[in-house]
Amino acid sequence: MIPASRRERARDATTAEIKATARRLLVQDGRDALTLRAIAREMGMTAPGLYRYFASHDDLVVGVCHDILDELTVVLLAARDTVPLDDPIGRLGATCRAFRRWALEHPAEFQLSFATSGAAPGQSGPPPPPGPLGRRSCASAPSSSTSSWRSGQRRRFRCPTRRACLPT
């Protein structure tokens, strides 16, 4: 593999900084703050300068969503892996609780990544990126349950108590 050139490394660093700035504005000021002008102002750039890194505002938003979902995937897999492989129901439960906890701790990121219709009530921001992004972080959750099922480790599902479903 050929190492990245100095120019490519600088471009990658700037792209990462743009997405980090966009996410920070999203969290601080909401979805309406995700404008090219605001992001450029925070970075000391001009708004047209951002087009060297992203073809459109929507491409930038999708890039931010991909970063958010990559982070969420790590969180979900870590939660799933705290439960033994021979407990698929427990693994699924741990994954679901981690997802809920993450969603409550990251409301702006959750809305941006998983909303399926236009702007939230009272907001005039752009519509969220396409729904398939949400599938990215959830793709690994079923695998832990179905692998045990396929291997013959079937067992009867017992409904958990209400207390067991509360966040820990």
C-alpha atoms as a PDB file:
ATOM      1  CA  MET A   1       0.000   0.000   0.000  1.00  0.00           C
ATOM      2  CA  ILE A   2       1.326   3.415  -0.943  1.00  0.00           C
ATOM      3  CA  PRO A   3       1.401   5.844   1.984  1.00  0.00           C
ATOM      4  CA  ALA A   4      -0.829   8.888   1.672  1.00  0.00           C
ATOM      5  CA  SER A   5       0.847  12.015   0.403  1.00  0.00           C
ATOM      6  CA  ARG A   6       1.176  15.100   2.554  1.00  0.00           C
ATOM      7  CA  ARG A   7      -1.600  16.761   0.566  1.00  0.00           C
ATOM      8  CA  GLU A   8      -3.935  13.773   1.063  1.00  0.00           C
ATOM      9  CA  ARG A   9      -3.236  13.727   4.796  1.00  0.00           C
ATOM     10  CA  ALA A  10      -3.978  17.461   5.029  1.00  0.00           C
ATOM     11  CA  ARG A  11      -7.193  16.992   3.041  1.00  0.00           C
ATOM     12  CA  ASP A  12      -8.290  14.104   5.285  1.00  0.00           C
ATOM     13  CA  ALA A  13      -7.556  16.170   8.398  1.00  0.00           C
ATOM     14  CA  THR A  14      -9.549  19.122   7.073  1.00  0.00           C
ATOM     15  CA  THR A  15     -12.454  16.862   6.090  1.00  0.00           C
ATOM     16  CA  ALA A  16     -12.490  15.379   9.599  1.00  0.00           C
ATOM     17  CA  GLU A  17     -12.374  18.871  11.130  1.00  0.00           C
ATOM     18  CA  ILE A  18     -15.299  20.022   8.973  1.00  0.00           C
ATOM     19  CA  LYS A  19     -17.409  17.049  10.085  1.00  0.00           C
ATOM     20  CA  ALA A  20     -16.411  17.508  13.739  1.00  0.00           C
ATOM     21  CA  THR A  21     -17.331  21.197  13.558  1.00  0.00           C
ATOM     22  CA  ALA A  22     -20.668  20.349  11.951  1.00  0.00           C
ATOM     23  CA  ARG A  23     -21.417  17.823  14.674  1.00  0.00           C
ATOM     24  CA  ARG A  24     -20.462  20.266  17.416  1.00  0.00           C
ATOM     25  CA  LEU A  25     -22.818  22.881  15.938  1.00  0.00           C
ATOM     26  CA  LEU A  26     -25.556  20.265  15.659  1.00  0.00           C
ATOM     27  CA  VAL A  27     -25.233  19.344  19.327  1.00  0.00           C
ATOM     28  CA  GLN A  28     -24.886  22.938  20.576  1.00  0.00           C
ATOM     29  CA  ASP A  29     -27.453  24.718  18.438  1.00  0.00           C
ATOM     30  CA  GLY A  30     -29.624  22.087  16.754  1.00  0.00           C
ATOM     31  CA  ARG A  31     -30.188  21.034  13.200  1.00  0.00           C
ATOM     32  CA  ASP A  32     -30.835  24.567  11.944  1.00  0.00           C
ATOM     33  CA  ALA A  33     -27.225  25.429  12.792  1.00  0.00           C
ATOM     34  CA  LEU A  34     -25.932  22.917  10.247  1.00  0.00           C
ATOM     35  CA  THR A  35     -25.302  25.436   7.481  1.00  0.00           C
ATOM     36  CA  LEU A  36     -22.218  25.675   5.318  1.00  0.00           C
ATOM     37  CA  ARG A  37     -21.844  29.322   6.287  1.00  0.00           C
ATOM     38  CA  ALA A  38     -21.897  28.578  10.039  1.00  0.00           C
ATOM     39  CA  ILE A  39     -19.475  25.663   9.707  1.00  0.00           C
ATOM     40  CA  ALA A  40     -17.096  27.727   7.565  1.00  0.00           C
ATOM     41  CA  ARG A  41     -17.277  30.659  10.000  1.00  0.00           C
ATOM     42  CA  GLU A  42     -16.371  28.375  12.925  1.00  0.00           C
ATOM     43  CA  MET A  43     -13.380  27.065  10.995  1.00  0.00           C
ATOM     44  CA  GLY A  44     -12.174  30.403   9.656  1.00  0.00           C
ATOM     45  CA  MET A  45     -12.972  29.412   6.075  1.00  0.00           C
ATOM     46  CA  THR A  46     -15.364  30.682   3.449  1.00  0.00           C
ATOM     47  CA  ALA A  47     -18.533  28.725   2.719  1.00  0.00           C
ATOM     48  CA  PRO A  48     -17.549  28.150  -0.935  1.00  0.00           C
ATOM     49  CA  GLY A  49     -14.249  26.703   0.335  1.00  0.00           C
ATOM     50  CA  LEU A  50     -16.161  23.782   1.843  1.00  0.00           C
ATOM     51  CA  TYR A  51     -17.169  22.676  -1.635  1.00  0.00           C
ATOM     52  CA  ARG A  52     -13.589  21.532  -2.176  1.00  0.00           C
ATOM     53  CA  TYR A  53     -14.275  18.864   0.433  1.00  0.00           C
ATOM     54  CA  PHE A  54     -17.981  18.102  -0.010  1.00  0.00           C
ATOM     55  CA  ALA A  55     -20.001  18.345  -3.218  1.00  0.00           C
ATOM     56  CA  SER A  56     -23.070  19.655  -1.389  1.00  0.00           C
ATOM     57  CA  HIS A  57     -24.555  20.391   1.998  1.00  0.00           C
ATOM     58  CA  ASP A  58     -26.366  17.043   1.834  1.00  0.00           C
ATOM     59  CA  ASP A  59     -23.057  15.215   1.250  1.00  0.00           C
ATOM     60  CA  LEU A  60     -21.639  16.877   4.354  1.00  0.00           C
ATOM     61  CA  VAL A  61     -24.685  15.908   6.425  1.00  0.00           C
ATOM     62  CA  VAL A  62     -24.455  12.314   5.187  1.00  0.00           C
ATOM     63  CA  GLY A  63     -20.739  12.293   6.102  1.00  0.00           C
ATOM     64  CA  VAL A  64     -21.598  13.453   9.633  1.00  0.00           C
ATOM     65  CA  CYS A  65     -24.271  10.746   9.845  1.00  0.00           C
ATOM     66  CA  HIS A  66     -21.781   8.091   8.786  1.00  0.00           C
ATOM     67  CA  ASP A  67     -19.406   9.190  11.545  1.00  0.00           C
ATOM     68  CA  ILE A  68     -22.226   9.147  14.092  1.00  0.00           C
ATOM     69  CA  LEU A  69     -23.339   5.676  13.025  1.00  0.00           C
ATOM     70  CA  ASP A  70     -19.786   4.336  13.047  1.00  0.00           C
ATOM     71  CA  GLU A  71     -19.478   5.546  16.645  1.00  0.00           C
ATOM     72  CA  LEU A  72     -22.854   4.044  17.539  1.00  0.00           C
ATOM     73  CA  THR A  73     -21.875   0.711  16.006  1.00  0.00           C
ATOM     74  CA  VAL A  74     -18.833   0.538  18.280  1.00  0.00           C
ATOM     75  CA  VAL A  75     -21.039   1.281  21.304  1.00  0.00           C
ATOM     76  CA  LEU A  76     -23.607  -1.374  20.339  1.00  0.00           C
ATOM     77  CA  LEU A  77     -21.022  -4.058  19.637  1.00  0.00           C
ATOM     78  CA  ALA A  78     -19.259  -3.352  22.933  1.00  0.00           C
ATOM     79  CA  ALA A  79     -22.557  -3.693  24.814  1.00  0.00           C
ATOM     80  CA  ARG A  80     -23.471  -6.883  22.939  1.00  0.00           C
ATOM     81  CA  ASP A  81     -20.084  -8.415  23.651  1.00  0.00           C
ATOM     82  CA  THR A  82     -20.482  -8.006  27.418  1.00  0.00           C
ATOM     83  CA  VAL A  83     -22.923 -10.934  27.336  1.00  0.00           C
ATOM     84  CA  PRO A  84     -21.787 -14.515  26.603  1.00  0.00           C
ATOM     85  CA  LEU A  85     -22.363 -15.951  23.131  1.00  0.00           C
ATOM     86  CA  ASP A  86     -24.644 -18.651  24.504  1.00  0.00           C
ATOM     87  CA  ASP A  87     -27.177 -16.030  25.660  1.00  0.00           C
ATOM     88  CA  PRO A  88     -28.599 -14.519  22.451  1.00  0.00           C
ATOM     89  CA  ILE A  89     -31.570 -12.955  24.234  1.00  0.00           C
ATOM     90  CA  GLY A  90     -29.235 -11.313  26.724  1.00  0.00           C
ATOM     91  CA  ARG A  91     -26.996 -10.065  23.912  1.00  0.00           C
ATOM     92  CA  LEU A  92     -29.961  -8.577  22.092  1.00  0.00           C
ATOM     93  CA  GLY A  93     -31.217  -6.986  25.305  1.00  0.00           C
ATOM     94  CA  ALA A  94     -27.813  -5.476  26.060  1.00  0.00           C
ATOM     95  CA  THR A  95     -27.663  -4.079  22.538  1.00  0.00           C
ATOM     96  CA  CYS A  96     -31.144  -2.581  22.803  1.00  0.00           C
ATOM     97  CA  ARG A  97     -30.439  -1.008  26.187  1.00  0.00           C
ATOM     98  CA  ALA A  98     -27.193   0.474  24.866  1.00  0.00           C
ATOM     99  CA  PHE A  99     -29.031   1.888  21.847  1.00  0.00           C
ATOM    100  CA  ARG A 100     -31.672   3.472  24.056  1.00  0.00           C
ATOM    101  CA  ARG A 101     -29.054   4.901  26.397  1.00  0.00           C
ATOM    102  CA  TRP A 102     -27.097   6.313  23.439  1.00  0.00           C
ATOM    103  CA  ALA A 103     -30.247   7.842  21.927  1.00  0.00           C
ATOM    104  CA  LEU A 104     -31.126   9.569  25.202  1.00  0.00           C
ATOM    105  CA  GLU A 105     -27.560  10.858  25.623  1.00  0.00           C
ATOM    106  CA  HIS A 106     -27.298  12.046  21.991  1.00  0.00           C
ATOM    107  CA  PRO A 107     -30.737  13.421  21.013  1.00  0.00           C
ATOM    108  CA  ALA A 108     -29.519  15.704  18.213  1.00  0.00           C
ATOM    109  CA  GLU A 109     -27.382  12.983  16.628  1.00  0.00           C
ATOM    110  CA  PHE A 110     -30.220  10.473  16.998  1.00  0.00           C
ATOM    111  CA  GLN A 111     -32.687  12.765  15.262  1.00  0.00           C
ATOM    112  CA  LEU A 112     -30.295  13.563  12.431  1.00  0.00           C
ATOM    113  CA  SER A 113     -29.387   9.922  11.807  1.00  0.00           C
ATOM    114  CA  PHE A 114     -32.714   8.170  12.326  1.00  0.00           C
ATOM    115  CA  ALA A 115     -35.469  10.674  11.487  1.00  0.00           C
ATOM    116  CA  THR A 116     -37.373   9.536   8.428  1.00  0.00           C
ATOM    117  CA  SER A 117     -39.478  12.532   7.494  1.00  0.00           C
ATOM    118  CA  GLY A 118     -38.727  16.210   6.930  1.00  0.00           C
ATOM    119  CA  ALA A 119     -37.522  18.663   9.519  1.00  0.00           C
ATOM    120  CA  ALA A 120     -38.713  18.252  13.081  1.00  0.00           C
ATOM    121  CA  PRO A 121     -41.763  20.275  14.129  1.00  0.00           C
ATOM    122  CA  GLY A 122     -40.774  23.897  14.510  1.00  0.00           C
ATOM    123  CA  GLN A 123     -37.531  23.485  12.576  1.00  0.00           C
ATOM    124  CA  SER A 124     -36.943  24.640   9.047  1.00  0.00           C
ATOM    125  CA  GLY A 125     -33.743  22.679   8.479  1.00  0.00           C
ATOM    126  CA  PRO A 126     -33.085  20.302   5.634  1.00  0.00           C
ATOM    127  CA  PRO A 127     -34.640  16.863   5.556  1.00  0.00           C
ATOM    128  CA  PRO A 128     -32.489  14.132   7.061  1.00  0.00           C
ATOM    129  CA  PRO A 129     -30.388  11.837   4.909  1.00  0.00           C
ATOM    130  CA  PRO A 130     -31.963   8.690   3.455  1.00  0.00           C
ATOM    131  CA  GLY A 131     -33.226   6.011   5.829  1.00  0.00           C
ATOM    132  CA  PRO A 132     -30.741   3.261   4.864  1.00  0.00           C
ATOM    133  CA  LEU A 133     -28.116   4.952   7.041  1.00  0.00           C
ATOM    134  CA  GLY A 134     -29.939   3.641  10.087  1.00  0.00           C
ATOM    135  CA  ARG A 135     -29.404   0.093   8.898  1.00  0.00           C
ATOM    136  CA  ARG A 136     -25.644   0.559   9.061  1.00  0.00           C
ATOM    137  CA  SER A 137     -25.431   0.529  12.863  1.00  0.00           C
ATOM    138  CA  CYS A 138     -28.051  -2.158  13.338  1.00  0.00           C
ATOM    139  CA  ALA A 139     -26.605  -4.680  10.915  1.00  0.00           C
ATOM    140  CA  SER A 140     -24.544  -6.447  13.565  1.00  0.00           C
ATOM    141  CA  ALA A 141     -27.222  -6.771  16.251  1.00  0.00           C
ATOM    142  CA  PRO A 142     -29.218  -9.636  14.701  1.00  0.00           C
ATOM    143  CA  SER A 143     -26.102 -11.645  13.918  1.00  0.00           C
ATOM    144  CA  SER A 144     -25.525 -12.403  17.580  1.00  0.00           C
ATOM    145  CA  SER A 145     -29.006 -13.834  17.962  1.00  0.00           C
ATOM    146  CA  THR A 146     -29.264 -15.712  14.695  1.00  0.00           C
ATOM    147  CA  SER A 147     -25.878 -17.406  15.044  1.00  0.00           C
ATOM    148  CA  SER A 148     -27.021 -19.187  18.199  1.00  0.00           C
ATOM    149  CA  TRP A 149     -30.326 -20.100  16.581  1.00  0.00           C
ATOM    150  CA  ARG A 150     -28.619 -21.626  13.533  1.00  0.00           C
ATOM    151  CA  SER A 151     -26.169 -23.583  15.667  1.00  0.00           C
ATOM    152  CA  GLY A 152     -29.031 -25.403  17.380  1.00  0.00           C
ATOM    153  CA  GLN A 153     -28.842 -23.612  20.712  1.00  0.00           C
ATOM    154  CA  ARG A 154     -32.553 -22.951  20.698  1.00  0.00           C
ATOM    155  CA  ARG A 155     -34.339 -22.319  23.917  1.00  0.00           C
ATOM    156  CA  ARG A 156     -37.708 -21.109  24.913  1.00  0.00           C
ATOM    157  CA  PHE A 157     -38.026 -17.378  25.231  1.00  0.00           C
ATOM    158  CA  ARG A 158     -39.150 -16.291  28.645  1.00  0.00           C
ATOM    159  CA  CYS A 159     -40.649 -12.818  28.807  1.00  0.00           C
ATOM    160  CA  PRO A 160     -38.450 -10.664  31.013  1.00  0.00           C
ATOM    161  CA  THR A 161     -39.877  -8.898  34.016  1.00  0.00           C
ATOM    162  CA  ARG A 162     -40.634  -5.231  33.684  1.00  0.00           C
ATOM    163  CA  ARG A 163     -37.784  -4.457  36.079  1.00  0.00           C
ATOM    164  CA  ALA A 164     -35.312  -6.261  33.843  1.00  0.00           C
ATOM    165  CA  CYS A 165     -36.265  -3.980  30.943  1.00  0.00           C
ATOM    166  CA  LEU A 166     -35.501  -0.759  32.787  1.00  0.00           C
ATOM    167  CA  PRO A 167     -32.239   0.978  31.862  1.00  0.00           C
ATOM    168  CA  THR A 168     -29.303   0.156  34.089  1.00  0.00           C
END
